Amino acid sequence: MATKTISITEEAYERLKIQKEPKESFTDVINRIAGKRSIMEFAGILSEEEGEKLTQYIKERRKASRERSNKIREMMK
């Protein structure tokens, strides 16, 4: 297994050390704390109104992006 050496402050080390379980390595602690998160953890985080606003914003941004791409394509002809 490859390893990397990192530098952290004493404060960060102490905070990490507090999180460490008895037979856990610091690598285990970091992986546990910063590990992958499931998209399902975010389910329900937005209200219905917020979700609708976000959906509308995404649609608008996609439309603007397509329009920019089309302009660039036309300019390159």
PDB file of N, CA and C in Angstrom:
ATOM      1  N   MET A   1       0.849  -1.181   0.000  1.00  0.00           N
ATOM      2  CA  MET A   1       0.000   0.000   0.000  1.00  0.00           C
ATOM      3  C   MET A   1       0.888   1.234   0.000  1.00  0.00           C
ATOM      4  N   ALA A   2       0.615   2.170  -0.899  1.00  0.00           N
ATOM      5  CA  ALA A   2       1.370   3.422  -0.968  1.00  0.00           C
ATOM      6  C   ALA A   2       0.968   4.330   0.185  1.00  0.00           C
ATOM      7  N   THR A   3       1.891   5.155   0.620  1.00  0.00           N
ATOM      8  CA  THR A   3       1.605   6.099   1.699  1.00  0.00           C
ATOM      9  C   THR A   3       2.021   7.493   1.279  1.00  0.00           C
ATOM     10  N   LYS A   4       1.446   8.491   1.930  1.00  0.00           N
ATOM     11  CA  LYS A   4       1.782   9.895   1.729  1.00  0.00           C
ATOM     12  C   LYS A   4       2.006  10.510   3.099  1.00  0.00           C
ATOM     13  N   THR A   5       2.951  11.422   3.182  1.00  0.00           N
ATOM     14  CA  THR A   5       3.194  12.146   4.417  1.00  0.00           C
ATOM     15  C   THR A   5       2.516  13.504   4.304  1.00  0.00           C
ATOM     16  N   ILE A   6       1.745  13.868   5.333  1.00  0.00           N
ATOM     17  CA  ILE A   6       1.072  15.160   5.334  1.00  0.00           C
ATOM     18  C   ILE A   6       1.450  15.919   6.593  1.00  0.00           C
ATOM     19  N   SER A   7       1.318  17.226   6.539  1.00  0.00           N
ATOM     20  CA  SER A   7       1.555  18.062   7.707  1.00  0.00           C
ATOM     21  C   SER A   7       0.236  18.667   8.148  1.00  0.00           C
ATOM     22  N   ILE A   8      -0.041  18.573   9.438  1.00  0.00           N
ATOM     23  CA  ILE A   8      -1.235  19.198   9.999  1.00  0.00           C
ATOM     24  C   ILE A   8      -0.841  19.931  11.264  1.00  0.00           C
ATOM     25  N   THR A   9      -1.666  20.861  11.673  1.00  0.00           N
ATOM     26  CA  THR A   9      -1.377  21.614  12.891  1.00  0.00           C
ATOM     27  C   THR A   9      -1.570  20.723  14.113  1.00  0.00           C
ATOM     28  N   GLU A  10      -1.003  21.143  15.220  1.00  0.00           N
ATOM     29  CA  GLU A  10      -1.202  20.410  16.481  1.00  0.00           C
ATOM     30  C   GLU A  10      -2.688  20.326  16.820  1.00  0.00           C
ATOM     31  N   GLU A  11      -3.399  21.439  16.577  1.00  0.00           N
ATOM     32  CA  GLU A  11      -4.837  21.458  16.871  1.00  0.00           C
ATOM     33  C   GLU A  11      -5.570  20.413  16.043  1.00  0.00           C
ATOM     34  N   ALA A  12      -5.259  20.338  14.749  1.00  0.00           N
ATOM     35  CA  ALA A  12      -5.895  19.352  13.882  1.00  0.00           C
ATOM     36  C   ALA A  12      -5.557  17.935  14.335  1.00  0.00           C
ATOM     37  N   TYR A  13      -4.301  17.720  14.721  1.00  0.00           N
ATOM     38  CA  TYR A  13      -3.881  16.399  15.206  1.00  0.00           C
ATOM     39  C   TYR A  13      -4.682  16.009  16.442  1.00  0.00           C
ATOM     40  N   GLU A  14      -4.816  16.930  17.384  1.00  0.00           N
ATOM     41  CA  GLU A  14      -5.552  16.633  18.617  1.00  0.00           C
ATOM     42  C   GLU A  14      -7.016  16.332  18.327  1.00  0.00           C
ATOM     43  N   ARG A  15      -7.601  17.078  17.396  1.00  0.00           N
ATOM     44  CA  ARG A  15      -9.001  16.836  17.038  1.00  0.00           C
ATOM     45  C   ARG A  15      -9.165  15.471  16.379  1.00  0.00           C
ATOM     46  N   LEU A  16      -8.210  15.106  15.533  1.00  0.00           N
ATOM     47  CA  LEU A  16      -8.233  13.803  14.881  1.00  0.00           C
ATOM     48  C   LEU A  16      -8.041  12.688  15.910  1.00  0.00           C
ATOM     49  N   LYS A  17      -7.118  12.911  16.821  1.00  0.00           N
ATOM     50  CA  LYS A  17      -6.814  11.929  17.867  1.00  0.00           C
ATOM     51  C   LYS A  17      -8.050  11.644  18.732  1.00  0.00           C
ATOM     52  N   ILE A  18      -8.836  12.682  19.010  1.00  0.00           N
ATOM     53  CA  ILE A  18     -10.064  12.517  19.805  1.00  0.00           C
ATOM     54  C   ILE A  18     -11.052  11.605  19.083  1.00  0.00           C
ATOM     55  N   GLN A  19     -11.075  11.664  17.761  1.00  0.00           N
ATOM     56  CA  GLN A  19     -11.998  10.855  16.964  1.00  0.00           C
ATOM     57  C   GLN A  19     -11.568   9.390  16.848  1.00  0.00           C
ATOM     58  N   LYS A  20     -10.302   9.120  17.134  1.00  0.00           N
ATOM     59  CA  LYS A  20      -9.716   7.797  16.943  1.00  0.00           C
ATOM     60  C   LYS A  20     -10.240   6.794  17.965  1.00  0.00           C
ATOM     61  N   GLU A  21     -10.685   5.650  17.479  1.00  0.00           N
ATOM     62  CA  GLU A  21     -11.123   4.541  18.339  1.00  0.00           C
ATOM     63  C   GLU A  21      -9.891   3.745  18.772  1.00  0.00           C
ATOM     64  N   PRO A  22      -9.985   2.952  19.850  1.00  0.00           N
ATOM     65  CA  PRO A  22      -8.803   2.251  20.378  1.00  0.00           C
ATOM     66  C   PRO A  22      -7.942   1.482  19.377  1.00  0.00           C
ATOM     67  N   LYS A  23      -8.510   0.670  18.519  1.00  0.00           N
ATOM     68  CA  LYS A  23      -7.687  -0.143  17.600  1.00  0.00           C
ATOM     69  C   LYS A  23      -7.715   0.411  16.176  1.00  0.00           C
ATOM     70  N   GLU A  24      -8.025   1.682  16.049  1.00  0.00           N
ATOM     71  CA  GLU A  24      -8.156   2.316  14.748  1.00  0.00           C
ATOM     72  C   GLU A  24      -6.888   3.110  14.433  1.00  0.00           C
ATOM     73  N   SER A  25      -6.457   3.040  13.175  1.00  0.00           N
ATOM     74  CA  SER A  25      -5.312   3.847  12.747  1.00  0.00           C
ATOM     75  C   SER A  25      -5.821   5.243  12.361  1.00  0.00           C
ATOM     76  N   PHE A  26      -4.893   6.181  12.208  1.00  0.00           N
ATOM     77  CA  PHE A  26      -5.299   7.508  11.773  1.00  0.00           C
ATOM     78  C   PHE A  26      -5.868   7.446  10.356  1.00  0.00           C
ATOM     79  N   THR A  27      -5.351   6.551   9.534  1.00  0.00           N
ATOM     80  CA  THR A  27      -5.907   6.353   8.190  1.00  0.00           C
ATOM     81  C   THR A  27      -7.360   5.911   8.286  1.00  0.00           C
ATOM     82  N   ASP A  28      -7.633   4.980   9.202  1.00  0.00           N
ATOM     83  CA  ASP A  28      -9.010   4.517   9.402  1.00  0.00           C
ATOM     84  C   ASP A  28      -9.922   5.666   9.814  1.00  0.00           C
ATOM     85  N   VAL A  29      -9.427   6.529  10.700  1.00  0.00           N
ATOM     86  CA  VAL A  29     -10.222   7.666  11.173  1.00  0.00           C
ATOM     87  C   VAL A  29     -10.529   8.606  10.008  1.00  0.00           C
ATOM     88  N   ILE A  30      -9.509   8.930   9.240  1.00  0.00           N
ATOM     89  CA  ILE A  30      -9.697   9.842   8.107  1.00  0.00           C
ATOM     90  C   ILE A  30     -10.670   9.243   7.107  1.00  0.00           C
ATOM     91  N   ASN A  31     -10.519   7.967   6.792  1.00  0.00           N
ATOM     92  CA  ASN A  31     -11.447   7.316   5.854  1.00  0.00           C
ATOM     93  C   ASN A  31     -12.869   7.313   6.390  1.00  0.00           C
ATOM     94  N   ARG A  32     -13.020   7.089   7.683  1.00  0.00           N
ATOM     95  CA  ARG A  32     -14.350   7.066   8.284  1.00  0.00           C
ATOM     96  C   ARG A  32     -14.985   8.453   8.231  1.00  0.00           C
ATOM     97  N   ILE A  33     -14.209   9.467   8.562  1.00  0.00           N
ATOM     98  CA  ILE A  33     -14.746  10.829   8.612  1.00  0.00           C
ATOM     99  C   ILE A  33     -14.971  11.399   7.219  1.00  0.00           C
ATOM    100  N   ALA A  34     -14.041  11.164   6.320  1.00  0.00           N
ATOM    101  CA  ALA A  34     -14.090  11.782   4.993  1.00  0.00           C
ATOM    102  C   ALA A  34     -14.501  10.814   3.898  1.00  0.00           C
ATOM    103  N   GLY A  35     -15.003   9.660   4.268  1.00  0.00           N
ATOM    104  CA  GLY A  35     -15.345   8.642   3.287  1.00  0.00           C
ATOM    105  C   GLY A  35     -16.443   9.066   2.342  1.00  0.00           C
ATOM    106  N   LYS A  36     -16.696   8.225   1.366  1.00  0.00           N
ATOM    107  CA  LYS A  36     -17.743   8.487   0.387  1.00  0.00           C
ATOM    108  C   LYS A  36     -19.084   8.622   1.083  1.00  0.00           C
ATOM    109  N   ARG A  37     -19.894   9.503   0.527  1.00  0.00           N
ATOM    110  CA  ARG A  37     -21.250   9.674   1.037  1.00  0.00           C
ATOM    111  C   ARG A  37     -22.220   9.208  -0.036  1.00  0.00           C
ATOM    112  N   SER A  38     -23.252   8.585   0.395  1.00  0.00           N
ATOM    113  CA  SER A  38     -24.289   8.146  -0.527  1.00  0.00           C
ATOM    114  C   SER A  38     -25.159   9.343  -0.909  1.00  0.00           C
ATOM    115  N   ILE A  39     -25.559   9.393  -2.163  1.00  0.00           N
ATOM    116  CA  ILE A  39     -26.458  10.452  -2.612  1.00  0.00           C
ATOM    117  C   ILE A  39     -27.760  10.415  -1.821  1.00  0.00           C
ATOM    118  N   MET A  40     -28.123   9.251  -1.339  1.00  0.00           N
ATOM    119  CA  MET A  40     -29.363   9.097  -0.578  1.00  0.00           C
ATOM    120  C   MET A  40     -29.318   9.850   0.752  1.00  0.00           C
ATOM    121  N   GLU A  41     -28.127  10.166   1.249  1.00  0.00           N
ATOM    122  CA  GLU A  41     -28.022  10.943   2.484  1.00  0.00           C
ATOM    123  C   GLU A  41     -28.593  12.344   2.316  1.00  0.00           C
ATOM    124  N   PHE A  42     -28.714  12.780   1.069  1.00  0.00           N
ATOM    125  CA  PHE A  42     -29.206  14.123   0.802  1.00  0.00           C
ATOM    126  C   PHE A  42     -30.701  14.158   0.496  1.00  0.00           C
ATOM    127  N   ALA A  43     -31.328  12.997   0.452  1.00  0.00           N
ATOM    128  CA  ALA A  43     -32.760  12.929   0.160  1.00  0.00           C
ATOM    129  C   ALA A  43     -33.541  13.697   1.217  1.00  0.00           C
ATOM    130  N   GLY A  44     -34.436  14.557   0.761  1.00  0.00           N
ATOM    131  CA  GLY A  44     -35.289  15.312   1.677  1.00  0.00           C
ATOM    132  C   GLY A  44     -34.657  16.563   2.235  1.00  0.00           C
ATOM    133  N   ILE A  45     -33.450  16.902   1.808  1.00  0.00           N
ATOM    134  CA  ILE A  45     -32.756  18.056   2.368  1.00  0.00           C
ATOM    135  C   ILE A  45     -33.392  19.370   1.891  1.00  0.00           C
ATOM    136  N   LEU A  46     -34.000  19.355   0.698  1.00  0.00           N
ATOM    137  CA  LEU A  46     -34.644  20.541   0.159  1.00  0.00           C
ATOM    138  C   LEU A  46     -36.154  20.430   0.307  1.00  0.00           C
ATOM    139  N   SER A  47     -36.780  21.581   0.526  1.00  0.00           N
ATOM    140  CA  SER A  47     -38.245  21.587   0.522  1.00  0.00           C
ATOM    141  C   SER A  47     -38.695  21.415  -0.929  1.00  0.00           C
ATOM    142  N   GLU A  48     -39.979  21.157  -1.122  1.00  0.00           N
ATOM    143  CA  GLU A  48     -40.498  20.990  -2.481  1.00  0.00           C
ATOM    144  C   GLU A  48     -40.273  22.270  -3.287  1.00  0.00           C
ATOM    145  N   GLU A  49     -40.499  23.424  -2.654  1.00  0.00           N
ATOM    146  CA  GLU A  49     -40.306  24.711  -3.328  1.00  0.00           C
ATOM    147  C   GLU A  49     -38.840  24.906  -3.714  1.00  0.00           C
ATOM    148  N   GLU A  50     -37.928  24.590  -2.809  1.00  0.00           N
ATOM    149  CA  GLU A  50     -36.497  24.714  -3.109  1.00  0.00           C
ATOM    150  C   GLU A  50     -36.092  23.776  -4.239  1.00  0.00           C
ATOM    151  N   GLY A  51     -36.645  22.571  -4.229  1.00  0.00           N
ATOM    152  CA  GLY A  51     -36.357  21.599  -5.281  1.00  0.00           C
ATOM    153  C   GLY A  51     -36.824  22.089  -6.641  1.00  0.00           C
ATOM    154  N   GLU A  52     -38.010  22.692  -6.672  1.00  0.00           N
ATOM    155  CA  GLU A  52     -38.536  23.233  -7.924  1.00  0.00           C
ATOM    156  C   GLU A  52     -37.680  24.391  -8.425  1.00  0.00           C
ATOM    157  N   LYS A  53     -37.259  25.273  -7.509  1.00  0.00           N
ATOM    158  CA  LYS A  53     -36.395  26.394  -7.892  1.00  0.00           C
ATOM    159  C   LYS A  53     -35.061  25.891  -8.443  1.00  0.00           C
ATOM    160  N   LEU A  54     -34.501  24.880  -7.795  1.00  0.00           N
ATOM    161  CA  LEU A  54     -33.233  24.314  -8.253  1.00  0.00           C
ATOM    162  C   LEU A  54     -33.389  23.673  -9.624  1.00  0.00           C
ATOM    163  N   THR A  55     -34.467  22.935  -9.812  1.00  0.00           N
ATOM    164  CA  THR A  55     -34.737  22.305 -11.104  1.00  0.00           C
ATOM    165  C   THR A  55     -34.853  23.358 -12.204  1.00  0.00           C
ATOM    166  N   GLN A  56     -35.577  24.447 -11.918  1.00  0.00           N
ATOM    167  CA  GLN A  56     -35.741  25.526 -12.900  1.00  0.00           C
ATOM    168  C   GLN A  56     -34.401  26.184 -13.208  1.00  0.00           C
ATOM    169  N   TYR A  57     -33.591  26.414 -12.187  1.00  0.00           N
ATOM    170  CA  TYR A  57     -32.278  27.021 -12.370  1.00  0.00           C
ATOM    171  C   TYR A  57     -31.396  26.135 -13.263  1.00  0.00           C
ATOM    172  N   ILE A  58     -31.408  24.844 -12.997  1.00  0.00           N
ATOM    173  CA  ILE A  58     -30.613  23.904 -13.797  1.00  0.00           C
ATOM    174  C   ILE A  58     -31.063  23.932 -15.251  1.00  0.00           C
ATOM    175  N   LYS A  59     -32.373  23.944 -15.478  1.00  0.00           N
ATOM    176  CA  LYS A  59     -32.892  23.997 -16.854  1.00  0.00           C
ATOM    177  C   LYS A  59     -32.424  25.274 -17.556  1.00  0.00           C
ATOM    178  N   GLU A  60     -32.481  26.401 -16.837  1.00  0.00           N
ATOM    179  CA  GLU A  60     -32.053  27.680 -17.421  1.00  0.00           C
ATOM    180  C   GLU A  60     -30.570  27.662 -17.759  1.00  0.00           C
ATOM    181  N   ARG A  61     -29.753  27.116 -16.874  1.00  0.00           N
ATOM    182  CA  ARG A  61     -28.309  27.065 -17.105  1.00  0.00           C
ATOM    183  C   ARG A  61     -27.981  26.151 -18.277  1.00  0.00           C
ATOM    184  N   ARG A  62     -28.692  25.020 -18.376  1.00  0.00           N
ATOM    185  CA  ARG A  62     -28.464  24.105 -19.500  1.00  0.00           C
ATOM    186  C   ARG A  62     -28.826  24.773 -20.820  1.00  0.00           C
ATOM    187  N   LYS A  63     -29.948  25.513 -20.819  1.00  0.00           N
ATOM    188  CA  LYS A  63     -30.369  26.222 -22.029  1.00  0.00           C
ATOM    189  C   LYS A  63     -29.317  27.258 -22.420  1.00  0.00           C
ATOM    190  N   ALA A  64     -28.838  28.026 -21.459  1.00  0.00           N
ATOM    191  CA  ALA A  64     -27.815  29.041 -21.725  1.00  0.00           C
ATOM    192  C   ALA A  64     -26.538  28.391 -22.255  1.00  0.00           C
ATOM    193  N   SER A  65     -26.173  27.249 -21.699  1.00  0.00           N
ATOM    194  CA  SER A  65     -24.980  26.542 -22.145  1.00  0.00           C
ATOM    195  C   SER A  65     -25.135  26.064 -23.588  1.00  0.00           C
ATOM    196  N   ARG A  66     -26.316  25.522 -23.907  1.00  0.00           N
ATOM    197  CA  ARG A  66     -26.570  25.085 -25.289  1.00  0.00           C
ATOM    198  C   ARG A  66     -26.497  26.264 -26.247  1.00  0.00           C
ATOM    199  N   GLU A  67     -27.055  27.400 -25.831  1.00  0.00           N
ATOM    200  CA  GLU A  67     -27.032  28.592 -26.687  1.00  0.00           C
ATOM    201  C   GLU A  67     -25.597  29.070 -26.917  1.00  0.00           C
ATOM    202  N   ARG A  68     -24.776  29.064 -25.879  1.00  0.00           N
ATOM    203  CA  ARG A  68     -23.368  29.445 -26.030  1.00  0.00           C
ATOM    204  C   ARG A  68     -22.649  28.488 -26.967  1.00  0.00           C
ATOM    205  N   SER A  69     -22.895  27.201 -26.793  1.00  0.00           N
ATOM    206  CA  SER A  69     -22.265  26.192 -27.663  1.00  0.00           C
ATOM    207  C   SER A  69     -22.676  26.397 -29.116  1.00  0.00           C
ATOM    208  N   ASN A  70     -23.955  26.669 -29.343  1.00  0.00           N
ATOM    209  CA  ASN A  70     -24.435  26.897 -30.706  1.00  0.00           C
ATOM    210  C   ASN A  70     -23.793  28.139 -31.314  1.00  0.00           C
ATOM    211  N   LYS A  71     -23.657  29.210 -30.528  1.00  0.00           N
ATOM    212  CA  LYS A  71     -23.007  30.434 -31.018  1.00  0.00           C
ATOM    213  C   LYS A  71     -21.563  30.150 -31.423  1.00  0.00           C
ATOM    214  N   ILE A  72     -20.859  29.440 -30.577  1.00  0.00           N
ATOM    215  CA  ILE A  72     -19.460  29.106 -30.857  1.00  0.00           C
ATOM    216  C   ILE A  72     -19.369  28.250 -32.101  1.00  0.00           C
ATOM    217  N   ARG A  73     -20.266  27.283 -32.215  1.00  0.00           N
ATOM    218  CA  ARG A  73     -20.290  26.403 -33.390  1.00  0.00           C
ATOM    219  C   ARG A  73     -20.504  27.210 -34.667  1.00  0.00           C
ATOM    220  N   GLU A  74     -21.434  28.178 -34.606  1.00  0.00           N
ATOM    221  CA  GLU A  74     -21.717  29.023 -35.766  1.00  0.00           C
ATOM    222  C   GLU A  74     -20.522  29.880 -36.119  1.00  0.00           C
ATOM    223  N   MET A  75     -19.836  30.403 -35.122  1.00  0.00           N
ATOM    224  CA  MET A  75     -18.671  31.257 -35.343  1.00  0.00           C
ATOM    225  C   MET A  75     -17.520  30.481 -35.985  1.00  0.00           C
ATOM    226  N   MET A  76     -17.462  29.191 -35.725  1.00  0.00           N
ATOM    227  CA  MET A  76     -16.360  28.376 -36.216  1.00  0.00           C
ATOM    228  C   MET A  76     -16.584  27.855 -37.639  1.00  0.00           C
ATOM    229  N   LYS A  77     -17.778  28.081 -38.173  1.00  0.00           N
ATOM    230  CA  LYS A  77     -18.069  27.601 -39.539  1.00  0.00           C
ATOM    231  C   LYS A  77     -17.314  28.406 -40.557  1.00  0.00           C
TER     232      LYS A  77
END
